[in-house]
Protein backbone atom coordinates (compact mmCIF):
# COMPACT_ATOMS: atom_id res chain seq x y z
CA UNK A 1 124.38 233.27 71.28
CA UNK A 2 123.72 229.64 72.20
CA UNK A 3 122.36 227.08 69.73
CA UNK A 4 118.83 228.11 68.72
CA UNK A 5 115.94 225.68 68.37
CA UNK A 6 115.72 226.58 64.68
CA UNK A 7 119.40 225.84 64.07
CA UNK A 8 119.28 222.70 66.20
CA UNK A 9 116.49 221.35 64.01
CA UNK A 10 118.82 221.43 61.00
CA UNK A 11 121.62 219.47 62.67
CA UNK A 12 122.22 215.74 62.86
CA UNK A 13 122.10 214.01 66.22
CA UNK A 14 125.83 213.31 65.92
CA UNK A 15 126.44 217.06 65.82
CA UNK A 16 123.87 217.95 68.45
CA UNK A 17 125.56 215.83 71.13
CA UNK A 18 128.59 218.07 70.70
CA UNK A 19 126.95 221.44 70.04
CA UNK A 20 123.80 221.50 72.18
CA UNK A 21 123.85 223.17 75.59
CA UNK A 22 126.80 225.49 74.89
CA UNK A 23 126.93 228.88 76.66
CA UNK A 24 126.31 232.10 74.68
CA UNK A 25 129.20 233.18 72.47
CA UNK A 26 130.71 236.10 74.34
CA UNK A 27 134.28 237.30 74.21
CA UNK A 28 136.50 235.46 76.71
CA UNK A 29 133.56 233.37 77.91
CA UNK A 30 134.10 229.61 78.38
CA UNK A 31 133.01 227.27 75.60
CA UNK A 32 131.77 224.80 78.22
CA UNK A 33 129.17 225.66 80.87
CA UNK A 34 130.68 226.10 84.33
CA UNK A 35 129.67 224.25 87.49
CA UNK A 36 127.51 226.44 89.73
CA UNK A 37 127.74 225.39 93.36
CA UNK A 38 125.06 227.44 95.03
CA UNK A 39 121.94 226.55 96.95
CA UNK A 40 120.73 230.16 97.07
CA UNK A 41 120.00 232.90 94.52
CA UNK A 42 119.41 236.64 94.86
CA UNK A 43 115.81 237.79 94.53
CA UNK A 44 113.06 239.86 96.07
CA UNK A 45 109.29 239.76 95.77
CA UNK A 46 107.21 236.94 94.32
CA UNK A 47 108.93 234.28 92.23
CA UNK A 48 108.05 234.55 88.56
CA UNK A 49 108.52 232.21 85.60
CA UNK A 50 112.20 231.50 85.08
CA UNK A 51 113.28 232.70 88.54
CA UNK A 52 115.61 230.20 90.19
CA UNK A 53 114.72 231.10 93.75
CA UNK A 54 116.36 228.16 95.46
CA UNK A 55 118.68 225.26 94.66
CA UNK A 56 115.94 222.64 94.85
CA UNK A 57 113.99 224.45 92.13
CA UNK A 58 116.76 224.93 89.59
CA UNK A 59 120.49 225.12 88.97
CA UNK A 60 122.32 226.73 86.02
CA UNK A 61 124.40 223.56 85.63
CA UNK A 62 121.30 221.45 84.95
CA UNK A 63 120.10 223.71 82.14
CA UNK A 64 122.63 222.80 79.41
CA UNK A 65 122.10 219.06 79.81
CA UNK A 66 118.32 219.43 79.95
CA UNK A 67 118.40 221.55 76.80
CA UNK A 68 120.69 219.14 74.96
CA UNK A 69 118.64 216.04 75.84
CA UNK A 70 115.41 217.74 74.77
CA UNK A 71 116.88 218.66 71.40
CA UNK A 72 118.18 215.14 70.89
CA UNK A 73 114.78 213.61 71.69
CA UNK A 74 112.94 216.16 69.57
CA UNK A 75 111.09 217.61 72.56
CA UNK A 76 109.63 221.10 72.60
CA UNK A 77 110.35 221.66 76.31
CA UNK A 78 113.56 221.29 78.35
CA UNK A 79 114.25 217.91 79.84
CA UNK A 80 114.14 217.30 83.58
CA UNK A 81 117.23 215.94 85.30
CA UNK A 82 116.87 213.75 88.40
CA UNK A 83 119.12 212.34 91.10
CA UNK A 84 118.86 208.83 89.64
CA UNK A 85 117.02 206.79 87.07
CA UNK A 86 114.68 205.54 89.79
CA UNK A 87 113.96 209.10 90.91
CA UNK A 88 112.83 209.74 87.33
CA UNK A 89 110.78 206.51 87.40
CA UNK A 90 109.10 207.65 90.61
CA UNK A 91 108.24 211.00 89.08
CA UNK A 92 106.83 209.39 85.94
CA UNK A 93 104.72 206.94 87.97
CA UNK A 94 103.28 209.89 89.88
CA UNK A 95 101.29 210.63 86.72
CA UNK A 96 99.16 207.51 87.32
CA UNK A 97 95.98 208.65 89.10
CA UNK A 98 94.94 207.06 92.39
CA UNK A 99 93.78 203.48 91.79
CA UNK A 100 94.60 203.89 88.10
CA UNK A 101 95.76 201.00 85.94
CA UNK A 102 99.41 200.70 84.94
CA UNK A 103 100.35 198.30 82.11
CA UNK A 104 104.04 197.44 82.28
CA UNK A 105 106.36 194.94 80.55
CA UNK A 106 106.79 191.74 82.52
CA UNK A 107 110.44 191.97 81.56
CA UNK A 108 111.79 195.46 82.15
CA UNK A 109 114.21 197.26 84.42
CA UNK A 110 113.91 195.52 87.78
CA UNK A 111 113.80 198.78 89.73
CA UNK A 112 110.78 199.99 87.75
CA UNK A 113 108.99 196.69 88.32
CA UNK A 114 109.75 196.67 92.03
CA UNK A 115 108.52 200.24 92.47
CA UNK A 116 105.32 199.59 90.52
CA UNK A 117 104.71 196.35 92.44
CA UNK A 118 105.11 198.10 95.79
CA UNK A 119 102.68 200.85 94.72
CA UNK A 120 100.20 198.16 93.70
CA UNK A 121 100.60 196.36 97.03
CA UNK A 122 99.76 199.61 98.82
CA UNK A 123 96.64 200.05 96.72
CA UNK A 124 97.93 203.13 94.93
CA UNK A 125 97.43 201.56 91.50
CA UNK A 126 96.53 198.35 89.70
CA UNK A 127 99.50 196.74 87.95
CA UNK A 128 99.10 194.56 84.86
CA UNK A 129 102.29 193.03 83.48
CA UNK A 130 102.48 191.69 79.96
CA UNK A 131 104.93 190.53 77.29
CA UNK A 132 105.45 193.88 75.59
CA UNK A 133 106.52 192.20 72.33
CA UNK A 134 103.07 190.53 72.10
CA UNK A 135 101.03 193.39 70.67
CA UNK A 136 97.69 191.59 70.94
CA UNK A 137 98.33 190.76 74.60
CA UNK A 138 99.16 194.40 75.35
CA UNK A 139 96.02 195.61 73.58
CA UNK A 140 93.95 193.23 75.69
CA UNK A 141 95.40 194.70 78.89
CA UNK A 142 94.91 198.31 77.76
CA UNK A 143 91.17 197.98 77.27
CA UNK A 144 89.89 194.62 78.55
CA UNK A 145 86.31 193.74 77.74
CA UNK A 146 84.22 194.78 80.72
CA UNK A 147 87.32 195.84 82.64
CA UNK A 148 88.90 199.08 83.71
CA UNK A 149 90.89 200.79 80.94
CA UNK A 150 94.55 201.59 81.50
CA UNK A 151 95.72 204.95 82.82
CA UNK A 152 99.33 204.50 81.73
CA UNK A 153 101.25 202.23 79.38
CA UNK A 154 104.88 201.81 80.35
CA UNK A 155 107.08 200.82 77.44
CA UNK A 156 110.65 199.63 77.37
CA UNK A 157 112.08 198.61 74.02
CA UNK A 158 114.30 196.70 73.76
CA UNK A 159 113.47 195.35 77.21
CA UNK A 160 115.93 194.72 80.01
CA UNK A 161 117.23 192.04 79.96
CA UNK A 162 115.24 189.92 77.49
CA UNK A 163 115.60 192.40 74.59
CA UNK A 164 111.98 192.13 73.53
CA UNK A 165 110.98 194.76 70.97
CA UNK A 166 107.65 196.57 71.28
CA UNK A 167 105.71 198.02 68.36
CA UNK A 168 105.88 201.49 69.87
CA UNK A 169 103.79 203.30 67.27
CA UNK A 170 100.93 200.79 67.35
CA UNK A 171 100.91 200.50 71.12
CA UNK A 172 100.99 204.25 71.77
CA UNK A 173 98.09 204.75 69.38
CA UNK A 174 96.09 202.05 71.15
CA UNK A 175 96.97 203.44 74.57
CA UNK A 176 95.84 206.91 73.62
CA UNK A 177 92.61 205.49 72.22
CA UNK A 178 92.04 203.90 75.63
CA UNK A 179 92.76 207.23 77.37
CA UNK A 180 96.18 206.21 78.70
CA UNK A 181 99.45 208.11 78.87
CA UNK A 182 102.55 206.44 77.44
CA UNK A 183 105.96 206.52 79.11
CA UNK A 184 108.87 204.94 77.23
CA UNK A 185 112.16 204.01 78.86
CA UNK A 186 114.69 204.77 76.12
CA UNK A 187 117.81 203.95 78.14
CA UNK A 188 118.99 201.01 76.01
CA UNK A 189 118.54 202.80 72.68
CA UNK A 190 119.38 206.45 73.48
CA UNK A 191 117.94 209.20 71.26
CA UNK A 192 120.59 208.45 68.64
CA UNK A 193 119.01 205.06 67.97
CA UNK A 194 115.33 205.66 68.78
CA UNK A 195 113.10 208.69 69.41
CA UNK A 196 109.91 207.56 71.17
CA UNK A 197 108.28 211.01 71.11
CA UNK A 198 108.22 210.84 67.31
CA UNK A 199 106.55 207.42 67.63
CA UNK A 200 103.76 208.81 69.82
CA UNK A 201 105.03 208.49 73.40
CA UNK A 202 104.09 211.21 75.87
CA UNK A 203 107.13 210.98 78.15
CA UNK A 204 110.60 209.53 77.56
CA UNK A 205 112.72 208.26 80.44
CA UNK A 206 116.49 207.75 80.64
CA UNK A 207 118.85 206.36 83.18
CA UNK A 208 121.49 209.00 82.45
CA UNK A 209 123.87 206.80 84.45
CA UNK A 210 124.13 204.55 81.40
CA UNK A 211 124.86 205.58 77.81
CA UNK A 212 124.19 209.32 78.05
CA UNK A 213 126.94 209.97 80.60
CA UNK A 214 128.77 206.87 79.45
CA UNK A 215 131.66 206.57 81.89
CA UNK A 216 130.21 204.73 84.90
CA UNK A 217 130.96 207.65 87.20
CA UNK A 218 127.59 209.34 87.85
CA UNK A 219 124.09 208.28 88.94
CA UNK A 220 121.39 210.37 87.27
CA UNK A 221 118.02 210.09 85.54
CA UNK A 222 115.98 212.25 83.18
CA UNK A 223 112.51 212.71 81.73
CA UNK A 224 111.55 214.46 78.50
CA UNK A 225 108.13 215.54 77.22
CA UNK A 226 106.61 218.07 74.84
CA UNK A 227 103.37 218.31 76.83
CA UNK A 228 103.30 221.48 78.96
CA UNK A 229 100.86 220.04 81.48
CA UNK A 230 102.86 216.86 82.00
CA UNK A 231 106.07 218.88 82.21
CA UNK A 232 104.59 221.07 84.95
CA UNK A 233 103.41 218.02 86.91
CA UNK A 234 106.79 216.30 86.65
CA UNK A 235 108.66 219.47 87.61
CA UNK A 236 106.39 219.90 90.63
CA UNK A 237 107.02 216.30 91.70
CA UNK A 238 110.78 216.75 91.39
CA UNK A 239 110.70 219.98 93.37
CA UNK A 240 108.48 218.72 96.19
CA UNK A 241 110.00 215.23 96.48
CA UNK A 242 113.55 216.54 96.17
CA UNK A 243 114.94 214.06 93.64
CA UNK A 244 117.33 216.63 92.24
CA UNK A 245 120.70 216.21 90.55
CA UNK A 246 123.96 217.48 91.99
CA UNK A 247 125.59 220.15 89.84
CA UNK A 248 128.88 218.27 89.54
CA UNK A 249 127.07 215.12 88.35
CA UNK A 250 125.10 217.20 85.83
CA UNK A 251 128.33 218.72 84.51
CA UNK A 252 129.93 215.28 84.17
CA UNK A 253 126.86 213.96 82.34
CA UNK A 254 127.03 216.75 79.77
CA UNK A 255 130.74 216.12 79.27
CA UNK A 256 130.01 212.43 78.74
CA UNK A 257 127.20 213.23 76.31
CA UNK A 258 129.69 214.89 73.95
CA UNK A 259 131.12 211.52 72.90
CA UNK A 260 127.81 209.63 72.74
CA UNK A 261 127.72 209.35 68.94
CA UNK A 262 131.23 207.92 68.75
CA UNK A 263 130.63 205.52 71.63
CA UNK A 264 127.35 204.26 70.18
CA UNK A 265 128.86 203.84 66.71
CA UNK A 266 131.73 201.75 68.07
CA UNK A 267 129.79 199.69 70.61
CA UNK A 268 126.92 198.89 68.23
CA UNK A 269 129.33 197.72 65.54
CA UNK A 270 131.14 195.49 68.03
CA UNK A 271 127.89 194.12 69.45
CA UNK A 272 126.81 193.03 65.98
CA UNK A 273 130.10 191.19 65.43
CA UNK A 274 129.99 189.47 68.81
CA UNK A 275 126.34 188.49 68.43
CA UNK A 276 127.05 186.83 65.09
CA UNK A 277 130.03 184.90 66.46
CA UNK A 278 128.35 183.85 69.70
CA UNK A 279 125.27 182.64 67.85
CA UNK A 280 127.32 179.78 66.43
CA UNK A 281 129.23 178.83 69.56
CA UNK A 282 128.50 175.34 70.94
CA UNK A 283 128.42 176.58 74.55
CA UNK A 284 125.71 179.15 73.77
CA UNK A 285 122.25 177.65 73.90
CA UNK A 286 120.43 180.75 72.62
CA UNK A 287 121.18 184.37 71.85
CA UNK A 288 119.07 187.50 71.99
CA UNK A 289 120.02 190.53 69.87
CA UNK A 290 117.61 192.47 67.62
CA UNK A 291 120.34 192.95 65.04
CA UNK A 292 120.37 189.27 64.14
CA UNK A 293 118.00 188.46 61.24
CA UNK A 294 116.85 185.39 63.19
CA UNK A 295 115.80 187.45 66.23
CA UNK A 296 112.00 187.70 66.64
CA UNK A 297 112.24 191.48 67.09
CA UNK A 298 114.52 192.10 64.11
CA UNK A 299 112.02 193.44 61.57
CA UNK A 300 110.22 195.55 64.15
CA UNK A 301 113.53 197.03 65.36
CA UNK A 302 114.53 197.83 61.79
CA UNK A 303 111.30 199.78 61.33
CA UNK A 304 111.63 202.04 64.39
CA UNK A 305 115.32 202.13 65.31
CA UNK A 306 118.46 203.51 63.67
CA UNK A 307 120.53 200.57 64.83
CA UNK A 308 120.15 197.67 67.21
CA UNK A 309 121.88 198.81 70.38
CA UNK A 310 124.96 197.60 72.21
CA UNK A 311 123.43 195.07 74.61
CA UNK A 312 123.06 191.39 73.82
CA UNK A 313 122.12 188.37 75.92
CA UNK A 314 123.10 184.74 75.74
CA UNK A 315 121.65 181.69 77.43
CA UNK A 316 124.48 179.37 78.38
CA UNK A 317 124.19 175.67 77.63
CA UNK A 318 124.89 173.22 80.41
CA UNK A 319 127.93 170.95 80.40
CA UNK A 320 126.72 167.42 81.07
CA UNK A 321 130.16 165.88 81.40
CA UNK A 322 131.16 168.34 84.10
CA UNK A 323 127.77 168.28 85.82
CA UNK A 324 127.27 172.00 85.17
CA UNK A 325 123.84 173.53 84.68
CA UNK A 326 123.54 176.46 82.31
CA UNK A 327 123.66 178.84 85.28
CA UNK A 328 126.77 177.11 86.65
CA UNK A 329 128.42 177.29 83.25
CA UNK A 330 127.59 181.00 83.05
CA UNK A 331 129.13 181.69 86.45
CA UNK A 332 132.28 179.73 85.61
CA UNK A 333 132.68 181.47 82.26
CA UNK A 334 132.26 184.90 83.83
CA UNK A 335 134.87 184.14 86.51
CA UNK A 336 137.35 183.20 83.77
CA UNK A 337 137.08 186.51 81.91
CA UNK A 338 140.03 188.88 82.07
CA UNK A 339 138.92 191.92 80.04
CA UNK A 340 135.15 191.91 80.43
CA UNK A 341 134.12 193.26 83.83
CA UNK A 342 131.60 191.28 85.92
CA UNK A 343 129.46 194.15 87.21
CA UNK A 344 125.93 195.52 87.29
CA UNK A 345 125.11 198.34 84.89
CA UNK A 346 125.60 199.00 81.21
CA UNK A 347 126.30 201.71 78.68
CA UNK A 348 129.79 202.68 79.80
CA UNK A 349 133.00 202.76 77.81
CA UNK A 350 133.97 199.42 79.37
CA UNK A 351 132.38 196.09 78.50
CA UNK A 352 130.32 194.63 81.36
CA UNK A 353 128.85 191.17 81.83
CA UNK A 354 126.65 189.49 84.41
CA UNK A 355 124.21 186.67 84.98
CA UNK A 356 121.03 188.57 85.70
CA UNK A 357 119.27 186.10 87.99
CA UNK A 358 121.95 186.63 90.63
CA UNK A 359 119.74 189.58 91.58
CA UNK A 360 116.83 188.57 93.78
CA UNK A 361 114.67 191.34 92.29
CA UNK A 362 114.96 189.93 88.76
CA UNK A 363 111.69 188.32 87.59
CA UNK A 364 111.61 184.55 87.93
CA UNK A 365 110.70 184.31 84.24
CA UNK A 366 114.22 185.46 83.34
CA UNK A 367 116.19 182.25 82.69
CA UNK A 368 118.77 181.27 85.31
CA UNK A 369 121.38 180.88 82.60
CA UNK A 370 120.82 184.24 80.91
CA UNK A 371 123.94 186.41 80.68
CA UNK A 372 123.70 190.08 79.72
CA UNK A 373 126.62 191.64 77.85
CA UNK A 374 126.98 195.42 77.58
CA UNK A 375 129.52 196.00 74.82
CA UNK A 376 131.92 198.88 75.36
CA UNK A 377 134.39 200.61 73.07
CA UNK A 378 137.37 198.26 73.37
CA UNK A 379 138.78 196.54 70.29
CA UNK A 380 136.26 193.92 69.24
CA UNK A 381 138.91 191.28 68.60
CA UNK A 382 140.22 191.66 72.14
CA UNK A 383 136.69 191.28 73.49
CA UNK A 384 136.10 188.20 71.37
CA UNK A 385 139.41 186.62 72.36
CA UNK A 386 138.52 187.04 76.03
CA UNK A 387 135.10 185.45 75.52
CA UNK A 388 136.66 182.58 73.59
CA UNK A 389 139.19 181.74 76.27
CA UNK A 390 136.58 181.96 79.02
CA UNK A 391 134.17 179.72 77.10
CA UNK A 392 137.01 177.26 76.47
CA UNK A 393 137.40 176.75 80.23
CA UNK A 394 134.05 174.91 80.12
CA UNK A 395 135.58 172.19 77.98
CA UNK A 396 137.59 170.91 80.90
């Protein structure tokens, strides 16, 4: 038999990432689920509950990952795997009714912001952006005096890339009081660090591309909910709009999930070390990392997270003598790195770094000199040595 819901409930998350989604225990059967490459399934008569029917409806290779993610997030229904994180975003935004109000962090994943902005420009919804770490400001947007109440609150905590921390429990309660659904992007934290459903969220979103698969070799997204009505709506949207995952990508994602606990343990520990050291460096003008006691989101993160994540951001100081702005100094430092990889994305085994405003879609409120670091699983002293030598190149 495969892992039961009852047994899964007794296991730690560190064990679940390894044990969840296994095939039934049958003699000579594989211990890992196989890849099923089929678009078509046998069947006659009307399709009933659980019938696969066709490859756009379901695939046996999706099931183990969807089961495992649901158990990790504490959901009562299987997760839903999508072709990309943005396909999952699109499906989640489909829950906003026509001309409904969407409240979204002013700093969040650029793709989510762009999609919501385009929907607003077409008149599909009203978009209100707000500093998600400012609870009072969010409350004012959820139910403005004399204004239209929100239909959906979109949370991201910590935010990308500013690492703002939302009070998820308080905001979800206020959103529900206003009649709004709550979707929380949990990509940065993963279910090992934060479980938004337990904090009141209705739907949890992941870019599976990042930490869950963890090896920078697949593009996938996922949604998780315990609400049967929302699950049915999201499944219908995935089926009709065709944002489905390939079976090979789903298999790779489950294989990557098996090492999530070890990767998070290592990368979080290294991120904490690097954040502490960078916070005292003369070339770093400011640092953002919830794990630092001086960070404005520190106490809130401690209350709702089981760690502080593996992403940190620095704002580079300019170099007056060399005529370098903070953005110029950031670009020069990044070019001098030998181990850190200058690339877009995060959550892989390798450490990645980039100046975020090089992307035209990044909000203008993100500082030009802000550099995002996604800490991987390399030796922390090697990572630090590479940062030190690259920062030293700014001294002339």
